[in-house]
PDB file of N, CA and C in Angstrom:
ATOM      1  N   MET A   1      -2.303   4.702 -22.854  1.00  0.00           N
ATOM      2  CA  MET A   1      -3.932   5.837 -22.867  1.00  0.00           C
ATOM      3  C   MET A   1      -4.167   5.579 -24.559  1.00  0.00           C
ATOM      4  N   GLU A   2      -2.566   6.104 -25.353  1.00  0.00           N
ATOM      5  CA  GLU A   2      -2.896   5.810 -27.203  1.00  0.00           C
ATOM      6  C   GLU A   2      -3.183   4.530 -27.302  1.00  0.00           C
ATOM      7  N   ALA A   3      -2.627   3.419 -26.475  1.00  0.00           N
ATOM      8  CA  ALA A   3      -3.168   2.656 -27.495  1.00  0.00           C
ATOM      9  C   ALA A   3      -4.561   1.791 -27.149  1.00  0.00           C
ATOM     10  N   LYS A   4      -5.015   2.319 -26.010  1.00  0.00           N
ATOM     11  CA  LYS A   4      -6.830   2.077 -25.899  1.00  0.00           C
ATOM     12  C   LYS A   4      -7.202   3.274 -26.837  1.00  0.00           C
ATOM     13  N   TRP A   5      -7.129   3.999 -27.168  1.00  0.00           N
ATOM     14  CA  TRP A   5      -7.722   5.220 -28.394  1.00  0.00           C
ATOM     15  C   TRP A   5      -7.722   4.241 -29.579  1.00  0.00           C
ATOM     16  N   ARG A   6      -6.260   3.550 -30.042  1.00  0.00           N
ATOM     17  CA  ARG A   6      -6.213   3.241 -31.008  1.00  0.00           C
ATOM     18  C   ARG A   6      -7.072   1.337 -30.913  1.00  0.00           C
ATOM     19  N   SER A   7      -7.203   1.320 -30.021  1.00  0.00           N
ATOM     20  CA  SER A   7      -7.990  -0.296 -29.679  1.00  0.00           C
ATOM     21  C   SER A   7      -9.094   0.102 -29.617  1.00  0.00           C
ATOM     22  N   ALA A   8     -10.054   1.248 -29.126  1.00  0.00           N
ATOM     23  CA  ALA A   8     -11.431   1.694 -29.632  1.00  0.00           C
ATOM     24  C   ALA A   8     -11.123   2.007 -31.411  1.00  0.00           C
ATOM     25  N   ILE A   9     -10.398   2.168 -31.964  1.00  0.00           N
ATOM     26  CA  ILE A   9     -10.786   2.600 -33.860  1.00  0.00           C
ATOM     27  C   ILE A   9     -10.749   1.601 -33.769  1.00  0.00           C
ATOM     28  N   SER A  10     -10.124   0.752 -33.701  1.00  0.00           N
ATOM     29  CA  SER A  10      -9.492  -1.030 -34.526  1.00  0.00           C
ATOM     30  C   SER A  10     -10.692  -0.920 -35.333  1.00  0.00           C
ATOM     31  N   GLY A  11     -11.909  -1.654 -34.833  1.00  0.00           N
ATOM     32  CA  GLY A  11     -12.686  -1.862 -35.836  1.00  0.00           C
ATOM     33  C   GLY A  11     -13.545  -1.168 -36.998  1.00  0.00           C
ATOM     34  N   SER A  12     -13.347  -0.096 -36.927  1.00  0.00           N
ATOM     35  CA  SER A  12     -13.374   0.691 -37.823  1.00  0.00           C
ATOM     36  C   SER A  12     -12.865   1.265 -39.196  1.00  0.00           C
ATOM     37  N   LYS A  13     -13.219   1.740 -39.612  1.00  0.00           N
ATOM     38  CA  LYS A  13     -12.630   1.727 -41.092  1.00  0.00           C
ATOM     39  C   LYS A  13     -11.297   3.249 -40.714  1.00  0.00           C
ATOM     40  N   VAL A  14     -11.514   4.001 -40.074  1.00  0.00           N
ATOM     41  CA  VAL A  14     -11.007   4.925 -39.353  1.00  0.00           C
ATOM     42  C   VAL A  14      -9.307   4.527 -39.142  1.00  0.00           C
ATOM     43  N   VAL A  15      -8.773   5.993 -40.239  1.00  0.00           N
ATOM     44  CA  VAL A  15      -7.063   5.814 -39.917  1.00  0.00           C
ATOM     45  C   VAL A  15      -6.675   6.608 -39.331  1.00  0.00           C
ATOM     46  N   LYS A  16      -6.149   6.602 -38.272  1.00  0.00           N
ATOM     47  CA  LYS A  16      -5.598   7.803 -37.467  1.00  0.00           C
ATOM     48  C   LYS A  16      -3.955   7.742 -36.749  1.00  0.00           C
ATOM     49  N   GLU A  17      -3.306   8.195 -37.986  1.00  0.00           N
ATOM     50  CA  GLU A  17      -1.731   8.330 -37.521  1.00  0.00           C
ATOM     51  C   GLU A  17      -0.922   8.906 -36.920  1.00  0.00           C
ATOM     52  N   SER A  18      -1.452   9.904 -36.704  1.00  0.00           N
ATOM     53  CA  SER A  18      -0.830  10.933 -36.054  1.00  0.00           C
ATOM     54  C   SER A  18      -1.461  11.343 -34.425  1.00  0.00           C
ATOM     55  N   ARG A  19      -0.824  11.940 -33.697  1.00  0.00           N
ATOM     56  CA  ARG A  19      -0.803  11.661 -31.942  1.00  0.00           C
ATOM     57  C   ARG A  19      -1.948  12.134 -31.451  1.00  0.00           C
ATOM     58  N   ILE A  20      -2.729  11.320 -30.542  1.00  0.00           N
ATOM     59  CA  ILE A  20      -3.546  12.494 -29.701  1.00  0.00           C
ATOM     60  C   ILE A  20      -3.504  13.073 -28.402  1.00  0.00           C
ATOM     61  N   GLY A  21      -2.629  13.234 -28.381  1.00  0.00           N
ATOM     62  CA  GLY A  21      -2.141  14.433 -27.400  1.00  0.00           C
ATOM     63  C   GLY A  21      -0.386  14.517 -27.245  1.00  0.00           C
ATOM     64  N   TYR A  22      -0.183  15.677 -26.281  1.00  0.00           N
ATOM     65  CA  TYR A  22       0.951  16.117 -25.990  1.00  0.00           C
ATOM     66  C   TYR A  22       0.957  15.956 -24.672  1.00  0.00           C
ATOM     67  N   ALA A  23       2.787  17.016 -23.933  1.00  0.00           N
ATOM     68  CA  ALA A  23       2.323  17.767 -22.539  1.00  0.00           C
ATOM     69  C   ALA A  23       2.298  19.325 -22.617  1.00  0.00           C
ATOM     70  N   TYR A  24       1.790  19.690 -22.091  1.00  0.00           N
ATOM     71  CA  TYR A  24       2.050  21.661 -22.049  1.00  0.00           C
ATOM     72  C   TYR A  24       1.741  21.284 -20.564  1.00  0.00           C
ATOM     73  N   GLY A  25       2.557  23.130 -20.787  1.00  0.00           N
ATOM     74  CA  GLY A  25       2.479  23.727 -19.181  1.00  0.00           C
ATOM     75  C   GLY A  25       3.369  24.378 -18.422  1.00  0.00           C
ATOM     76  N   LEU A  26       3.894  24.610 -17.817  1.00  0.00           N
ATOM     77  CA  LEU A  26       5.031  25.849 -17.627  1.00  0.00           C
ATOM     78  C   LEU A  26       6.601  25.238 -17.817  1.00  0.00           C
ATOM     79  N   ASN A  27       6.556  23.997 -17.768  1.00  0.00           N
ATOM     80  CA  ASN A  27       7.801  22.946 -17.976  1.00  0.00           C
ATOM     81  C   ASN A  27       7.861  23.031 -19.272  1.00  0.00           C
ATOM     82  N   TYR A  28       6.977  23.118 -20.068  1.00  0.00           N
ATOM     83  CA  TYR A  28       6.942  23.069 -21.851  1.00  0.00           C
ATOM     84  C   TYR A  28       8.448  23.526 -22.132  1.00  0.00           C
ATOM     85  N   PRO A  29       9.040  22.837 -23.065  1.00  0.00           N
ATOM     86  CA  PRO A  29      10.417  22.911 -23.468  1.00  0.00           C
ATOM     87  C   PRO A  29       9.892  24.358 -24.724  1.00  0.00           C
ATOM     88  N   PRO A  30      11.108  25.340 -25.165  1.00  0.00           N
ATOM     89  CA  PRO A  30      11.118  26.214 -25.586  1.00  0.00           C
ATOM     90  C   PRO A  30      11.333  25.635 -27.373  1.00  0.00           C
ATOM     91  N   ASP A  31      10.985  25.387 -27.868  1.00  0.00           N
ATOM     92  CA  ASP A  31      11.127  24.274 -29.275  1.00  0.00           C
ATOM     93  C   ASP A  31       9.856  23.767 -29.994  1.00  0.00           C
ATOM     94  N   TRP A  32      10.100  23.876 -30.904  1.00  0.00           N
ATOM     95  CA  TRP A  32       8.898  22.157 -31.132  1.00  0.00           C
ATOM     96  C   TRP A  32       9.137  21.230 -31.509  1.00  0.00           C
ATOM     97  N   GLY A  33      10.119  20.356 -30.943  1.00  0.00           N
ATOM     98  CA  GLY A  33      11.188  19.289 -31.154  1.00  0.00           C
ATOM     99  C   GLY A  33      10.258  17.792 -30.798  1.00  0.00           C
ATOM    100  N   GLU A  34       9.508  18.534 -29.663  1.00  0.00           N
ATOM    101  CA  GLU A  34       8.996  17.804 -28.645  1.00  0.00           C
ATOM    102  C   GLU A  34       9.198  16.567 -28.388  1.00  0.00           C
ATOM    103  N   HIS A  35      10.473  17.033 -27.514  1.00  0.00           N
ATOM    104  CA  HIS A  35      10.671  16.529 -26.761  1.00  0.00           C
ATOM    105  C   HIS A  35      10.315  16.035 -25.359  1.00  0.00           C
ATOM    106  N   THR A  36       9.444  15.791 -25.210  1.00  0.00           N
ATOM    107  CA  THR A  36       8.533  15.609 -24.130  1.00  0.00           C
ATOM    108  C   THR A  36       7.218  14.594 -24.564  1.00  0.00           C
ATOM    109  N   VAL A  37       6.604  13.844 -23.814  1.00  0.00           N
ATOM    110  CA  VAL A  37       5.550  13.294 -23.724  1.00  0.00           C
ATOM    111  C   VAL A  37       4.773  13.644 -25.393  1.00  0.00           C
ATOM    112  N   SER A  38       4.157  12.581 -26.053  1.00  0.00           N
ATOM    113  CA  SER A  38       3.932  12.947 -27.050  1.00  0.00           C
ATOM    114  C   SER A  38       2.476  11.503 -27.630  1.00  0.00           C
ATOM    115  N   LEU A  39       1.566  11.747 -27.087  1.00  0.00           N
ATOM    116  CA  LEU A  39       0.720  10.658 -27.584  1.00  0.00           C
ATOM    117  C   LEU A  39       0.366  10.132 -28.416  1.00  0.00           C
ATOM    118  N   ARG A  40       1.034   9.206 -29.472  1.00  0.00           N
ATOM    119  CA  ARG A  40       1.417   8.352 -30.167  1.00  0.00           C
ATOM    120  C   ARG A  40       2.325   7.452 -30.577  1.00  0.00           C
ATOM    121  N   PRO A  41       1.894   6.365 -31.309  1.00  0.00           N
ATOM    122  CA  PRO A  41       1.880   5.238 -31.433  1.00  0.00           C
ATOM    123  C   PRO A  41       3.708   5.187 -30.898  1.00  0.00           C
ATOM    124  N   GLY A  42       3.874   4.192 -30.044  1.00  0.00           N
ATOM    125  CA  GLY A  42       5.358   3.527 -29.910  1.00  0.00           C
ATOM    126  C   GLY A  42       6.037   4.459 -28.545  1.00  0.00           C
ATOM    127  N   ASP A  43       4.539   5.568 -28.124  1.00  0.00           N
ATOM    128  CA  ASP A  43       5.241   6.769 -27.308  1.00  0.00           C
ATOM    129  C   ASP A  43       5.667   5.412 -25.783  1.00  0.00           C
ATOM    130  N   LYS A  44       7.013   5.827 -25.632  1.00  0.00           N
ATOM    131  CA  LYS A  44       6.986   4.878 -24.311  1.00  0.00           C
ATOM    132  C   LYS A  44       7.302   5.214 -22.867  1.00  0.00           C
ATOM    133  N   ASN A  45       6.196   7.396 -22.720  1.00  0.00           N
ATOM    134  CA  ASN A  45       6.697   7.487 -21.582  1.00  0.00           C
ATOM    135  C   ASN A  45       5.845   7.319 -20.605  1.00  0.00           C
ATOM    136  N   VAL A  46       6.070   7.391 -19.132  1.00  0.00           N
ATOM    137  CA  VAL A  46       5.562   7.333 -18.378  1.00  0.00           C
ATOM    138  C   VAL A  46       5.347   8.101 -17.835  1.00  0.00           C
ATOM    139  N   PHE A  47       3.432   8.447 -17.510  1.00  0.00           N
ATOM    140  CA  PHE A  47       2.523   9.135 -16.733  1.00  0.00           C
ATOM    141  C   PHE A  47       3.015   9.358 -15.347  1.00  0.00           C
ATOM    142  N   GLN A  48       3.474  10.558 -14.858  1.00  0.00           N
ATOM    143  CA  GLN A  48       3.850  11.096 -13.613  1.00  0.00           C
ATOM    144  C   GLN A  48       3.250  11.371 -12.637  1.00  0.00           C
ATOM    145  N   PRO A  49       2.499  11.177 -11.611  1.00  0.00           N
ATOM    146  CA  PRO A  49       2.050  12.638 -10.597  1.00  0.00           C
ATOM    147  C   PRO A  49       2.625  13.464 -11.176  1.00  0.00           C
ATOM    148  N   ASN A  50       1.487  14.644 -11.458  1.00  0.00           N
ATOM    149  CA  ASN A  50       1.972  16.680 -11.583  1.00  0.00           C
ATOM    150  C   ASN A  50       2.216  16.407 -13.225  1.00  0.00           C
ATOM    151  N   MET A  51       2.189  16.205 -13.641  1.00  0.00           N
ATOM    152  CA  MET A  51       1.853  16.522 -15.522  1.00  0.00           C
ATOM    153  C   MET A  51       0.821  16.683 -15.710  1.00  0.00           C
ATOM    154  N   THR A  52       0.914  17.653 -16.590  1.00  0.00           N
ATOM    155  CA  THR A  52      -0.299  17.886 -17.348  1.00  0.00           C
ATOM    156  C   THR A  52       0.240  17.392 -18.724  1.00  0.00           C
ATOM    157  N   ILE A  53      -1.151  17.462 -19.609  1.00  0.00           N
ATOM    158  CA  ILE A  53      -0.621  16.612 -20.538  1.00  0.00           C
ATOM    159  C   ILE A  53      -2.434  17.183 -21.629  1.00  0.00           C
ATOM    160  N   HIS A  54      -2.624  17.114 -22.898  1.00  0.00           N
ATOM    161  CA  HIS A  54      -3.349  18.016 -23.505  1.00  0.00           C
ATOM    162  C   HIS A  54      -4.080  16.220 -24.186  1.00  0.00           C
ATOM    163  N   VAL A  55      -4.900  16.324 -23.493  1.00  0.00           N
ATOM    164  CA  VAL A  55      -5.582  15.025 -25.440  1.00  0.00           C
ATOM    165  C   VAL A  55      -6.900  15.547 -25.892  1.00  0.00           C
ATOM    166  N   MET A  56      -6.105  14.994 -26.949  1.00  0.00           N
ATOM    167  CA  MET A  56      -7.050  16.100 -28.350  1.00  0.00           C
ATOM    168  C   MET A  56      -7.095  14.561 -28.932  1.00  0.00           C
ATOM    169  N   PRO A  57      -7.848  13.636 -28.797  1.00  0.00           N
ATOM    170  CA  PRO A  57      -7.337  12.381 -29.802  1.00  0.00           C
ATOM    171  C   PRO A  57      -9.045  12.848 -31.137  1.00  0.00           C
ATOM    172  N   GLY A  58      -8.995  13.305 -31.826  1.00  0.00           N
ATOM    173  CA  GLY A  58      -9.323  13.783 -33.147  1.00  0.00           C
ATOM    174  C   GLY A  58      -9.860  13.224 -34.555  1.00  0.00           C
ATOM    175  N   ILE A  59     -10.581  13.029 -35.228  1.00  0.00           N
ATOM    176  CA  ILE A  59     -10.914  11.949 -36.486  1.00  0.00           C
ATOM    177  C   ILE A  59     -10.965  13.086 -37.512  1.00  0.00           C
ATOM    178  N   TRP A  60     -10.247  13.863 -38.503  1.00  0.00           N
ATOM    179  CA  TRP A  60     -11.041  14.903 -39.299  1.00  0.00           C
ATOM    180  C   TRP A  60     -10.557  13.681 -41.196  1.00  0.00           C
ATOM    181  N   LEU A  61     -12.080  13.911 -41.777  1.00  0.00           N
ATOM    182  CA  LEU A  61     -11.776  13.617 -43.092  1.00  0.00           C
ATOM    183  C   LEU A  61     -12.783  14.690 -44.066  1.00  0.00           C
ATOM    184  N   ASP A  62     -12.493  14.440 -45.026  1.00  0.00           N
ATOM    185  CA  ASP A  62     -12.987  15.712 -46.254  1.00  0.00           C
ATOM    186  C   ASP A  62     -14.189  16.611 -45.291  1.00  0.00           C
ATOM    187  N   LYS A  63     -15.703  15.212 -45.263  1.00  0.00           N
ATOM    188  CA  LYS A  63     -16.853  15.879 -44.966  1.00  0.00           C
ATOM    189  C   LYS A  63     -16.814  16.494 -43.614  1.00  0.00           C
ATOM    190  N   PHE A  64     -16.954  15.777 -42.663  1.00  0.00           N
ATOM    191  CA  PHE A  64     -16.407  15.927 -41.603  1.00  0.00           C
ATOM    192  C   PHE A  64     -15.967  15.220 -40.306  1.00  0.00           C
ATOM    193  N   GLY A  65     -15.802  15.434 -39.613  1.00  0.00           N
ATOM    194  CA  GLY A  65     -14.379  14.850 -38.871  1.00  0.00           C
ATOM    195  C   GLY A  65     -15.382  15.135 -36.405  1.00  0.00           C
ATOM    196  N   PHE A  66     -14.342  14.560 -36.062  1.00  0.00           N
ATOM    197  CA  PHE A  66     -15.030  14.337 -34.413  1.00  0.00           C
ATOM    198  C   PHE A  66     -13.331  14.936 -33.607  1.00  0.00           C
ATOM    199  N   GLU A  67     -13.579  15.870 -32.837  1.00  0.00           N
ATOM    200  CA  GLU A  67     -12.499  15.998 -31.623  1.00  0.00           C
ATOM    201  C   GLU A  67     -12.805  16.098 -30.528  1.00  0.00           C
ATOM    202  N   CYS A  68     -12.180  16.021 -29.592  1.00  0.00           N
ATOM    203  CA  CYS A  68     -12.451  16.222 -28.728  1.00  0.00           C
ATOM    204  C   CYS A  68     -11.325  16.865 -27.465  1.00  0.00           C
ATOM    205  N   SER A  69     -11.058  17.637 -27.092  1.00  0.00           N
ATOM    206  CA  SER A  69     -10.393  18.726 -26.319  1.00  0.00           C
ATOM    207  C   SER A  69     -10.307  18.497 -24.933  1.00  0.00           C
ATOM    208  N   GLU A  70      -9.513  17.573 -23.733  1.00  0.00           N
ATOM    209  CA  GLU A  70      -9.448  17.691 -22.639  1.00  0.00           C
ATOM    210  C   GLU A  70      -8.058  18.052 -22.088  1.00  0.00           C
ATOM    211  N   PRO A  71      -7.685  18.694 -20.951  1.00  0.00           N
ATOM    212  CA  PRO A  71      -6.512  19.185 -20.429  1.00  0.00           C
ATOM    213  C   PRO A  71      -6.496  18.219 -18.898  1.00  0.00           C
ATOM    214  N   ILE A  72      -5.961  17.581 -18.958  1.00  0.00           N
ATOM    215  CA  ILE A  72      -5.988  16.398 -17.504  1.00  0.00           C
ATOM    216  C   ILE A  72      -4.741  16.928 -16.766  1.00  0.00           C
ATOM    217  N   TYR A  73      -4.865  16.348 -15.639  1.00  0.00           N
ATOM    218  CA  TYR A  73      -3.950  17.107 -14.439  1.00  0.00           C
ATOM    219  C   TYR A  73      -3.658  14.961 -14.110  1.00  0.00           C
ATOM    220  N   VAL A  74      -2.733  14.589 -13.937  1.00  0.00           N
ATOM    221  CA  VAL A  74      -2.009  13.144 -13.938  1.00  0.00           C
ATOM    222  C   VAL A  74      -1.670  13.201 -12.272  1.00  0.00           C
ATOM    223  N   THR A  75      -2.548  12.296 -11.419  1.00  0.00           N
ATOM    224  CA  THR A  75      -2.555  12.660  -9.529  1.00  0.00           C
ATOM    225  C   THR A  75      -1.797  11.534  -9.881  1.00  0.00           C
ATOM    226  N   GLU A  76      -1.930  10.672  -8.115  1.00  0.00           N
ATOM    227  CA  GLU A  76      -1.407   9.346  -7.626  1.00  0.00           C
ATOM    228  C   GLU A  76      -1.797   8.182  -7.906  1.00  0.00           C
ATOM    229  N   ASP A  77      -3.937   9.051  -8.241  1.00  0.00           N
ATOM    230  CA  ASP A  77      -4.729   7.562  -8.034  1.00  0.00           C
ATOM    231  C   ASP A  77      -5.260   7.577  -9.530  1.00  0.00           C
ATOM    232  N   GLY A  78      -4.691   8.889 -10.787  1.00  0.00           N
ATOM    233  CA  GLY A  78      -5.581   8.473 -12.061  1.00  0.00           C
ATOM    234  C   GLY A  78      -5.180   9.890 -12.665  1.00  0.00           C
ATOM    235  N   CYS A  79      -6.365  10.569 -12.937  1.00  0.00           N
ATOM    236  CA  CYS A  79      -6.234  11.932 -13.466  1.00  0.00           C
ATOM    237  C   CYS A  79      -7.355  12.654 -12.966  1.00  0.00           C
ATOM    238  N   GLU A  80      -7.534  13.898 -12.762  1.00  0.00           N
ATOM    239  CA  GLU A  80      -8.295  14.887 -13.183  1.00  0.00           C
ATOM    240  C   GLU A  80      -8.475  15.942 -14.111  1.00  0.00           C
ATOM    241  N   THR A  81      -9.598  16.305 -14.631  1.00  0.00           N
ATOM    242  CA  THR A  81     -10.125  17.147 -15.421  1.00  0.00           C
ATOM    243  C   THR A  81      -9.451  18.845 -14.468  1.00  0.00           C
ATOM    244  N   PHE A  82      -9.683  19.461 -15.606  1.00  0.00           N
ATOM    245  CA  PHE A  82      -9.010  21.775 -15.208  1.00  0.00           C
ATOM    246  C   PHE A  82     -10.603  22.136 -15.795  1.00  0.00           C
ATOM    247  N   VAL A  83     -11.671  21.101 -16.153  1.00  0.00           N
ATOM    248  CA  VAL A  83     -12.699  21.737 -16.413  1.00  0.00           C
ATOM    249  C   VAL A  83     -13.946  21.080 -15.879  1.00  0.00           C
ATOM    250  N   GLU A  84     -15.003  21.969 -15.173  1.00  0.00           N
ATOM    251  CA  GLU A  84     -15.930  21.491 -15.238  1.00  0.00           C
ATOM    252  C   GLU A  84     -16.854  21.993 -15.704  1.00  0.00           C
ATOM    253  N   PHE A  85     -17.343  20.890 -16.935  1.00  0.00           N
ATOM    254  CA  PHE A  85     -18.088  21.056 -18.146  1.00  0.00           C
ATOM    255  C   PHE A  85     -19.182  20.220 -18.481  1.00  0.00           C
ATOM    256  N   GLU A  86     -20.330  20.264 -18.771  1.00  0.00           N
ATOM    257  CA  GLU A  86     -20.862  19.391 -19.760  1.00  0.00           C
ATOM    258  C   GLU A  86     -20.156  18.587 -20.871  1.00  0.00           C
ATOM    259  N   ARG A  87     -20.535  17.276 -20.710  1.00  0.00           N
ATOM    260  CA  ARG A  87     -19.431  16.699 -21.839  1.00  0.00           C
ATOM    261  C   ARG A  87     -21.059  15.965 -22.646  1.00  0.00           C
ATOM    262  N   LYS A  88     -21.110  16.400 -23.775  1.00  0.00           N
ATOM    263  CA  LYS A  88     -22.383  16.149 -24.077  1.00  0.00           C
ATOM    264  C   LYS A  88     -21.869  16.228 -26.208  1.00  0.00           C
ATOM    265  N   LEU A  89     -22.768  15.722 -27.089  1.00  0.00           N
ATOM    266  CA  LEU A  89     -22.489  15.284 -28.426  1.00  0.00           C
ATOM    267  C   LEU A  89     -22.840  17.205 -28.913  1.00  0.00           C
ATOM    268  N   PHE A  90     -22.988  17.597 -29.402  1.00  0.00           N
ATOM    269  CA  PHE A  90     -22.774  18.773 -30.178  1.00  0.00           C
ATOM    270  C   PHE A  90     -23.209  18.437 -31.908  1.00  0.00           C
ATOM    271  N   VAL A  91     -24.231  17.960 -32.332  1.00  0.00           N
ATOM    272  CA  VAL A  91     -24.466  17.567 -33.336  1.00  0.00           C
ATOM    273  C   VAL A  91     -24.884  19.450 -34.592  1.00  0.00           C
ATOM    274  N   LYS A  92     -24.821  19.528 -36.136  1.00  0.00           N
ATOM    275  CA  LYS A  92     -24.659  20.716 -36.747  1.00  0.00           C
ATOM    276  C   LYS A  92     -25.781  20.504 -37.634  1.00  0.00           C
TER     277      LYS A  92
END
């Protein structure tokens, strides 16, 4: 997933070094050590059914930015979202 994101922005001048998501939920360890899934370059974790991931690719620059936040539930066939909400671009 992270590699797909990096590939999608590779033709732009955008530099994104930080992660784009992380595990969350009931079994999240009680520390900031990030000893679980973290969607960043080189992450080798394998997604398994019943995992929950917060996918949050974002690009923050000095004058503008982009952020998309979506919690997902990993299923046998892919994933599902927790939120049923119209996805559209909001421009200020």
